[in-house]
Amino acid sequence: ILPEDVAMAEAEPSPPRMHGAVFSSVGW
């Protein structure tokens, strides 16, 4: 589910290195 203001916001491809950050990958 994608709120429109999130969709139009600047992308953040990589989260900050901090507690709670998730670094996922493509592949299965």
PDB file of all heavy atoms in Angstrom:
ATOM      1  N   ILE A   1       0.875  -1.179   0.000  1.00  0.00           N
ATOM      2  CA  ILE A   1       0.000   0.000   0.000  1.00  0.00           C
ATOM      3  C   ILE A   1       0.907   1.224   0.000  1.00  0.00           C
ATOM      4  O   ILE A   1       1.774   1.372   0.875  1.00  0.00           O
ATOM      5  CB  ILE A   1      -0.913   0.005   1.243  1.00  0.00           C
ATOM      6  CG1 ILE A   1      -1.760  -1.280   1.272  1.00  0.00           C
ATOM      7  CG2 ILE A   1      -1.812   1.243   1.252  1.00  0.00           C
ATOM      8  CD1 ILE A   1      -2.383  -1.551   2.624  1.00  0.00           C
ATOM      9  N   LEU A   2       0.702   2.113  -0.974  1.00  0.00           N
ATOM     10  CA  LEU A   2       1.637   3.215  -1.182  1.00  0.00           C
ATOM     11  C   LEU A   2       0.929   4.570  -1.089  1.00  0.00           C
ATOM     12  O   LEU A   2       0.256   4.995  -2.039  1.00  0.00           O
ATOM     13  CB  LEU A   2       2.297   3.067  -2.563  1.00  0.00           C
ATOM     14  CG  LEU A   2       3.396   4.054  -2.929  1.00  0.00           C
ATOM     15  CD1 LEU A   2       4.576   3.952  -1.954  1.00  0.00           C
ATOM     16  CD2 LEU A   2       3.863   3.822  -4.363  1.00  0.00           C
ATOM     17  N   PRO A   3       1.059   5.278   0.047  1.00  0.00           N
ATOM     18  CA  PRO A   3       0.511   6.635   0.135  1.00  0.00           C
ATOM     19  C   PRO A   3       1.163   7.542  -0.906  1.00  0.00           C
ATOM     20  O   PRO A   3       2.373   7.433  -1.181  1.00  0.00           O
ATOM     21  CB  PRO A   3       0.871   7.073   1.563  1.00  0.00           C
ATOM     22  CG  PRO A   3       1.045   5.788   2.319  1.00  0.00           C
ATOM     23  CD  PRO A   3       1.644   4.841   1.330  1.00  0.00           C
ATOM     24  N   GLU A   4       0.382   8.440  -1.477  1.00  0.00           N
ATOM     25  CA  GLU A   4       0.878   9.243  -2.588  1.00  0.00           C
ATOM     26  C   GLU A   4       2.034  10.162  -2.169  1.00  0.00           C
ATOM     27  O   GLU A   4       2.973  10.366  -2.947  1.00  0.00           O
ATOM     28  CB  GLU A   4      -0.269  10.065  -3.191  1.00  0.00           C
ATOM     29  CG  GLU A   4       0.122  10.958  -4.363  1.00  0.00           C
ATOM     30  CD  GLU A   4       0.698  10.215  -5.571  1.00  0.00           C
ATOM     31  OE1 GLU A   4       0.608   8.973  -5.610  1.00  0.00           O
ATOM     32  OE2 GLU A   4       1.235  10.889  -6.462  1.00  0.00           O
ATOM     33  N   ASP A   5       2.024  10.686  -0.950  1.00  0.00           N
ATOM     34  CA  ASP A   5       3.120  11.574  -0.552  1.00  0.00           C
ATOM     35  C   ASP A   5       4.426  10.799  -0.378  1.00  0.00           C
ATOM     36  O   ASP A   5       5.509  11.341  -0.618  1.00  0.00           O
ATOM     37  CB  ASP A   5       2.777  12.347   0.716  1.00  0.00           C
ATOM     38  CG  ASP A   5       2.451  11.452   1.898  1.00  0.00           C
ATOM     39  OD1 ASP A   5       1.866  10.364   1.682  1.00  0.00           O
ATOM     40  OD2 ASP A   5       2.764  11.827   3.041  1.00  0.00           O
ATOM     41  N   VAL A   6       4.344   9.539   0.016  1.00  0.00           N
ATOM     42  CA  VAL A   6       5.548   8.715   0.103  1.00  0.00           C
ATOM     43  C   VAL A   6       6.062   8.419  -1.302  1.00  0.00           C
ATOM     44  O   VAL A   6       7.274   8.463  -1.566  1.00  0.00           O
ATOM     45  CB  VAL A   6       5.276   7.410   0.866  1.00  0.00           C
ATOM     46  CG1 VAL A   6       6.512   6.510   0.879  1.00  0.00           C
ATOM     47  CG2 VAL A   6       4.828   7.703   2.287  1.00  0.00           C
ATOM     48  N   ALA A   7       5.152   8.121  -2.211  1.00  0.00           N
ATOM     49  CA  ALA A   7       5.543   7.796  -3.575  1.00  0.00           C
ATOM     50  C   ALA A   7       6.262   8.956  -4.253  1.00  0.00           C
ATOM     51  O   ALA A   7       7.199   8.754  -5.034  1.00  0.00           O
ATOM     52  CB  ALA A   7       4.315   7.406  -4.391  1.00  0.00           C
ATOM     53  N   MET A   8       5.841  10.206  -3.942  1.00  0.00           N
ATOM     54  CA  MET A   8       6.442  11.354  -4.614  1.00  0.00           C
ATOM     55  C   MET A   8       7.694  11.881  -3.896  1.00  0.00           C
ATOM     56  O   MET A   8       8.424  12.693  -4.445  1.00  0.00           O
ATOM     57  CB  MET A   8       5.414  12.477  -4.757  1.00  0.00           C
ATOM     58  CG  MET A   8       4.992  13.126  -3.458  1.00  0.00           C
ATOM     59  SD  MET A   8       3.886  14.555  -3.682  1.00  0.00           S
ATOM     60  CE  MET A   8       2.496  13.806  -4.504  1.00  0.00           C
ATOM     61  N   ALA A   9       7.948  11.390  -2.687  1.00  0.00           N
ATOM     62  CA  ALA A   9       9.108  11.851  -1.933  1.00  0.00           C
ATOM     63  C   ALA A   9      10.396  11.308  -2.540  1.00  0.00           C
ATOM     64  O   ALA A   9      10.408  10.286  -3.227  1.00  0.00           O
ATOM     65  CB  ALA A   9       8.995  11.418  -0.475  1.00  0.00           C
ATOM     66  N   GLU A  10      11.498  11.979  -2.261  1.00  0.00           N
ATOM     67  CA  GLU A  10      12.797  11.554  -2.771  1.00  0.00           C
ATOM     68  C   GLU A  10      13.123  10.146  -2.289  1.00  0.00           C
ATOM     69  O   GLU A  10      12.918   9.794  -1.127  1.00  0.00           O
ATOM     70  CB  GLU A  10      13.877  12.534  -2.315  1.00  0.00           C
ATOM     71  CG  GLU A  10      15.254  12.223  -2.880  1.00  0.00           C
ATOM     72  CD  GLU A  10      16.298  13.257  -2.454  1.00  0.00           C
ATOM     73  OE1 GLU A  10      15.920  14.435  -2.247  1.00  0.00           O
ATOM     74  OE2 GLU A  10      17.479  12.876  -2.325  1.00  0.00           O
ATOM     75  N   ALA A  11      13.626   9.349  -3.197  1.00  0.00           N
ATOM     76  CA  ALA A  11      13.935   7.957  -2.865  1.00  0.00           C
ATOM     77  C   ALA A  11      15.074   7.868  -1.852  1.00  0.00           C
ATOM     78  O   ALA A  11      15.986   8.709  -1.848  1.00  0.00           O
ATOM     79  CB  ALA A  11      14.306   7.197  -4.122  1.00  0.00           C
ATOM     80  N   GLU A  12      14.995   6.836  -1.018  1.00  0.00           N
ATOM     81  CA  GLU A  12      16.078   6.531  -0.073  1.00  0.00           C
ATOM     82  C   GLU A  12      16.455   5.064  -0.275  1.00  0.00           C
ATOM     83  O   GLU A  12      15.978   4.179   0.443  1.00  0.00           O
ATOM     84  CB  GLU A  12      15.626   6.781   1.368  1.00  0.00           C
ATOM     85  CG  GLU A  12      15.321   8.244   1.671  1.00  0.00           C
ATOM     86  CD  GLU A  12      14.974   8.467   3.136  1.00  0.00           C
ATOM     87  OE1 GLU A  12      15.689   7.917   4.006  1.00  0.00           O
ATOM     88  OE2 GLU A  12      13.981   9.164   3.403  1.00  0.00           O
ATOM     89  N   PRO A  13      17.317   4.782  -1.237  1.00  0.00           N
ATOM     90  CA  PRO A  13      17.642   3.396  -1.568  1.00  0.00           C
ATOM     91  C   PRO A  13      18.327   2.632  -0.438  1.00  0.00           C
ATOM     92  O   PRO A  13      18.210   1.412  -0.366  1.00  0.00           O
ATOM     93  CB  PRO A  13      18.583   3.530  -2.770  1.00  0.00           C
ATOM     94  CG  PRO A  13      18.335   4.905  -3.307  1.00  0.00           C
ATOM     95  CD  PRO A  13      17.975   5.735  -2.139  1.00  0.00           C
ATOM     96  N   SER A  14      19.029   3.350   0.424  1.00  0.00           N
ATOM     97  CA  SER A  14      19.750   2.669   1.504  1.00  0.00           C
ATOM     98  C   SER A  14      19.444   3.361   2.820  1.00  0.00           C
ATOM     99  O   SER A  14      19.552   4.592   2.925  1.00  0.00           O
ATOM    100  CB  SER A  14      21.253   2.694   1.233  1.00  0.00           C
ATOM    101  OG  SER A  14      21.948   1.938   2.194  1.00  0.00           O
ATOM    102  N   PRO A  15      19.030   2.611   3.827  1.00  0.00           N
ATOM    103  CA  PRO A  15      18.704   3.230   5.118  1.00  0.00           C
ATOM    104  C   PRO A  15      19.955   3.656   5.881  1.00  0.00           C
ATOM    105  O   PRO A  15      21.063   3.164   5.612  1.00  0.00           O
ATOM    106  CB  PRO A  15      17.973   2.097   5.857  1.00  0.00           C
ATOM    107  CG  PRO A  15      18.530   0.852   5.268  1.00  0.00           C
ATOM    108  CD  PRO A  15      18.825   1.158   3.841  1.00  0.00           C
ATOM    109  N   PRO A  16      19.815   4.555   6.829  1.00  0.00           N
ATOM    110  CA  PRO A  16      20.964   4.922   7.673  1.00  0.00           C
ATOM    111  C   PRO A  16      21.376   3.728   8.532  1.00  0.00           C
ATOM    112  O   PRO A  16      20.558   2.889   8.895  1.00  0.00           O
ATOM    113  CB  PRO A  16      20.421   6.063   8.535  1.00  0.00           C
ATOM    114  CG  PRO A  16      18.944   5.853   8.555  1.00  0.00           C
ATOM    115  CD  PRO A  16      18.597   5.271   7.228  1.00  0.00           C
ATOM    116  N   ARG A  17      22.678   3.660   8.833  1.00  0.00           N
ATOM    117  CA  ARG A  17      23.167   2.537   9.631  1.00  0.00           C
ATOM    118  C   ARG A  17      22.869   2.815  11.107  1.00  0.00           C
ATOM    119  O   ARG A  17      23.626   3.476  11.817  1.00  0.00           O
ATOM    120  CB  ARG A  17      24.668   2.346   9.408  1.00  0.00           C
ATOM    121  CG  ARG A  17      25.210   1.083  10.066  1.00  0.00           C
ATOM    122  CD  ARG A  17      26.635   0.790   9.627  1.00  0.00           C
ATOM    123  NE  ARG A  17      27.158  -0.369  10.323  1.00  0.00           N
ATOM    124  CZ  ARG A  17      26.914  -1.637   9.997  1.00  0.00           C
ATOM    125  NH1 ARG A  17      26.123  -1.886   8.963  1.00  0.00           N
ATOM    126  NH2 ARG A  17      27.442  -2.627  10.682  1.00  0.00           N
ATOM    127  N   MET A  18      21.740   2.302  11.539  1.00  0.00           N
ATOM    128  CA  MET A  18      21.306   2.550  12.907  1.00  0.00           C
ATOM    129  C   MET A  18      20.367   1.421  13.328  1.00  0.00           C
ATOM    130  O   MET A  18      19.914   0.618  12.500  1.00  0.00           O
ATOM    131  CB  MET A  18      20.597   3.900  13.009  1.00  0.00           C
ATOM    132  CG  MET A  18      19.372   4.016  12.095  1.00  0.00           C
ATOM    133  SD  MET A  18      18.575   5.633  12.140  1.00  0.00           S
ATOM    134  CE  MET A  18      17.914   5.612  13.799  1.00  0.00           C
ATOM    135  N   HIS A  19      20.063   1.361  14.594  1.00  0.00           N
ATOM    136  CA  HIS A  19      19.159   0.336  15.107  1.00  0.00           C
ATOM    137  C   HIS A  19      17.783   0.459  14.433  1.00  0.00           C
ATOM    138  O   HIS A  19      17.218   1.547  14.349  1.00  0.00           O
ATOM    139  CB  HIS A  19      18.989   0.498  16.620  1.00  0.00           C
ATOM    140  CG  HIS A  19      18.068  -0.517  17.224  1.00  0.00           C
ATOM    141  ND1 HIS A  19      18.386  -1.843  17.318  1.00  0.00           N
ATOM    142  CD2 HIS A  19      16.803  -0.399  17.729  1.00  0.00           C
ATOM    143  CE1 HIS A  19      17.385  -2.503  17.870  1.00  0.00           C
ATOM    144  NE2 HIS A  19      16.413  -1.641  18.128  1.00  0.00           N
ATOM    145  N   GLY A  20      17.279  -0.652  13.956  1.00  0.00           N
ATOM    146  CA  GLY A  20      15.983  -0.665  13.276  1.00  0.00           C
ATOM    147  C   GLY A  20      16.090  -0.620  11.771  1.00  0.00           C
ATOM    148  O   GLY A  20      15.098  -0.876  11.081  1.00  0.00           O
ATOM    149  N   ALA A  21      17.255  -0.319  11.238  1.00  0.00           N
ATOM    150  CA  ALA A  21      17.430  -0.284   9.784  1.00  0.00           C
ATOM    151  C   ALA A  21      17.403  -1.703   9.221  1.00  0.00           C
ATOM    152  O   ALA A  21      17.828  -2.662   9.871  1.00  0.00           O
ATOM    153  CB  ALA A  21      18.738   0.404   9.423  1.00  0.00           C
ATOM    154  N   VAL A  22      16.884  -1.826   7.993  1.00  0.00           N
ATOM    155  CA  VAL A  22      16.792  -3.129   7.332  1.00  0.00           C
ATOM    156  C   VAL A  22      17.499  -3.037   5.986  1.00  0.00           C
ATOM    157  O   VAL A  22      17.203  -2.164   5.179  1.00  0.00           O
ATOM    158  CB  VAL A  22      15.314  -3.534   7.120  1.00  0.00           C
ATOM    159  CG1 VAL A  22      15.223  -4.849   6.360  1.00  0.00           C
ATOM    160  CG2 VAL A  22      14.597  -3.639   8.463  1.00  0.00           C
ATOM    161  N   PHE A  23      18.432  -3.965   5.737  1.00  0.00           N
ATOM    162  CA  PHE A  23      19.200  -3.982   4.500  1.00  0.00           C
ATOM    163  C   PHE A  23      18.860  -5.272   3.737  1.00  0.00           C
ATOM    164  O   PHE A  23      19.517  -6.297   3.893  1.00  0.00           O
ATOM    165  CB  PHE A  23      20.705  -3.910   4.794  1.00  0.00           C
ATOM    166  CG  PHE A  23      21.129  -2.621   5.435  1.00  0.00           C
ATOM    167  CD1 PHE A  23      21.030  -2.443   6.817  1.00  0.00           C
ATOM    168  CD2 PHE A  23      21.607  -1.565   4.663  1.00  0.00           C
ATOM    169  CE1 PHE A  23      21.416  -1.254   7.408  1.00  0.00           C
ATOM    170  CE2 PHE A  23      21.991  -0.371   5.261  1.00  0.00           C
ATOM    171  CZ  PHE A  23      21.888  -0.205   6.632  1.00  0.00           C
ATOM    172  N   SER A  24      17.820  -5.219   2.931  1.00  0.00           N
ATOM    173  CA  SER A  24      17.347  -6.411   2.225  1.00  0.00           C
ATOM    174  C   SER A  24      18.010  -6.515   0.855  1.00  0.00           C
ATOM    175  O   SER A  24      18.659  -5.583   0.375  1.00  0.00           O
ATOM    176  CB  SER A  24      15.833  -6.380   2.078  1.00  0.00           C
ATOM    177  OG  SER A  24      15.442  -5.272   1.282  1.00  0.00           O
ATOM    178  N   SER A  25      17.804  -7.657   0.194  1.00  0.00           N
ATOM    179  CA  SER A  25      18.439  -7.886  -1.102  1.00  0.00           C
ATOM    180  C   SER A  25      17.466  -8.559  -2.063  1.00  0.00           C
ATOM    181  O   SER A  25      16.481  -9.173  -1.658  1.00  0.00           O
ATOM    182  CB  SER A  25      19.686  -8.756  -0.943  1.00  0.00           C
ATOM    183  OG  SER A  25      19.346 -10.021  -0.399  1.00  0.00           O
ATOM    184  N   VAL A  26      17.778  -8.446  -3.343  1.00  0.00           N
ATOM    185  CA  VAL A  26      17.025  -9.113  -4.396  1.00  0.00           C
ATOM    186  C   VAL A  26      17.559 -10.534  -4.541  1.00  0.00           C
ATOM    187  O   VAL A  26      18.764 -10.764  -4.519  1.00  0.00           O
ATOM    188  CB  VAL A  26      17.171  -8.354  -5.729  1.00  0.00           C
ATOM    189  CG1 VAL A  26      16.541  -9.134  -6.875  1.00  0.00           C
ATOM    190  CG2 VAL A  26      16.554  -6.967  -5.612  1.00  0.00           C
ATOM    191  N   GLY A  27      16.655 -11.493  -4.687  1.00  0.00           N
ATOM    192  CA  GLY A  27      17.090 -12.864  -4.926  1.00  0.00           C
ATOM    193  C   GLY A  27      16.297 -13.870  -4.137  1.00  0.00           C
ATOM    194  O   GLY A  27      15.960 -13.648  -2.970  1.00  0.00           O
ATOM    195  N   TRP A  28      15.980 -14.967  -4.790  1.00  0.00           N
ATOM    196  CA  TRP A  28      15.226 -16.057  -4.155  1.00  0.00           C
ATOM    197  C   TRP A  28      15.454 -17.313  -4.960  1.00  0.00           C
ATOM    198  O   TRP A  28      15.556 -17.279  -6.184  1.00  0.00           O
ATOM    199  CB  TRP A  28      13.734 -15.712  -4.125  1.00  0.00           C
ATOM    200  CG  TRP A  28      12.849 -16.799  -3.566  1.00  0.00           C
ATOM    201  CD1 TRP A  28      12.568 -17.039  -2.270  1.00  0.00           C
ATOM    202  CD2 TRP A  28      12.125 -17.789  -4.318  1.00  0.00           C
ATOM    203  NE1 TRP A  28      11.721 -18.103  -2.141  1.00  0.00           N
ATOM    204  CE2 TRP A  28      11.429 -18.592  -3.384  1.00  0.00           C
ATOM    205  CE3 TRP A  28      12.008 -18.083  -5.672  1.00  0.00           C
ATOM    206  CZ2 TRP A  28      10.626 -19.658  -3.767  1.00  0.00           C
ATOM    207  CZ3 TRP A  28      11.206 -19.153  -6.055  1.00  0.00           C
ATOM    208  CH2 TRP A  28      10.520 -19.911  -5.111  1.00  0.00           C
TER     209      TRP A  28
END
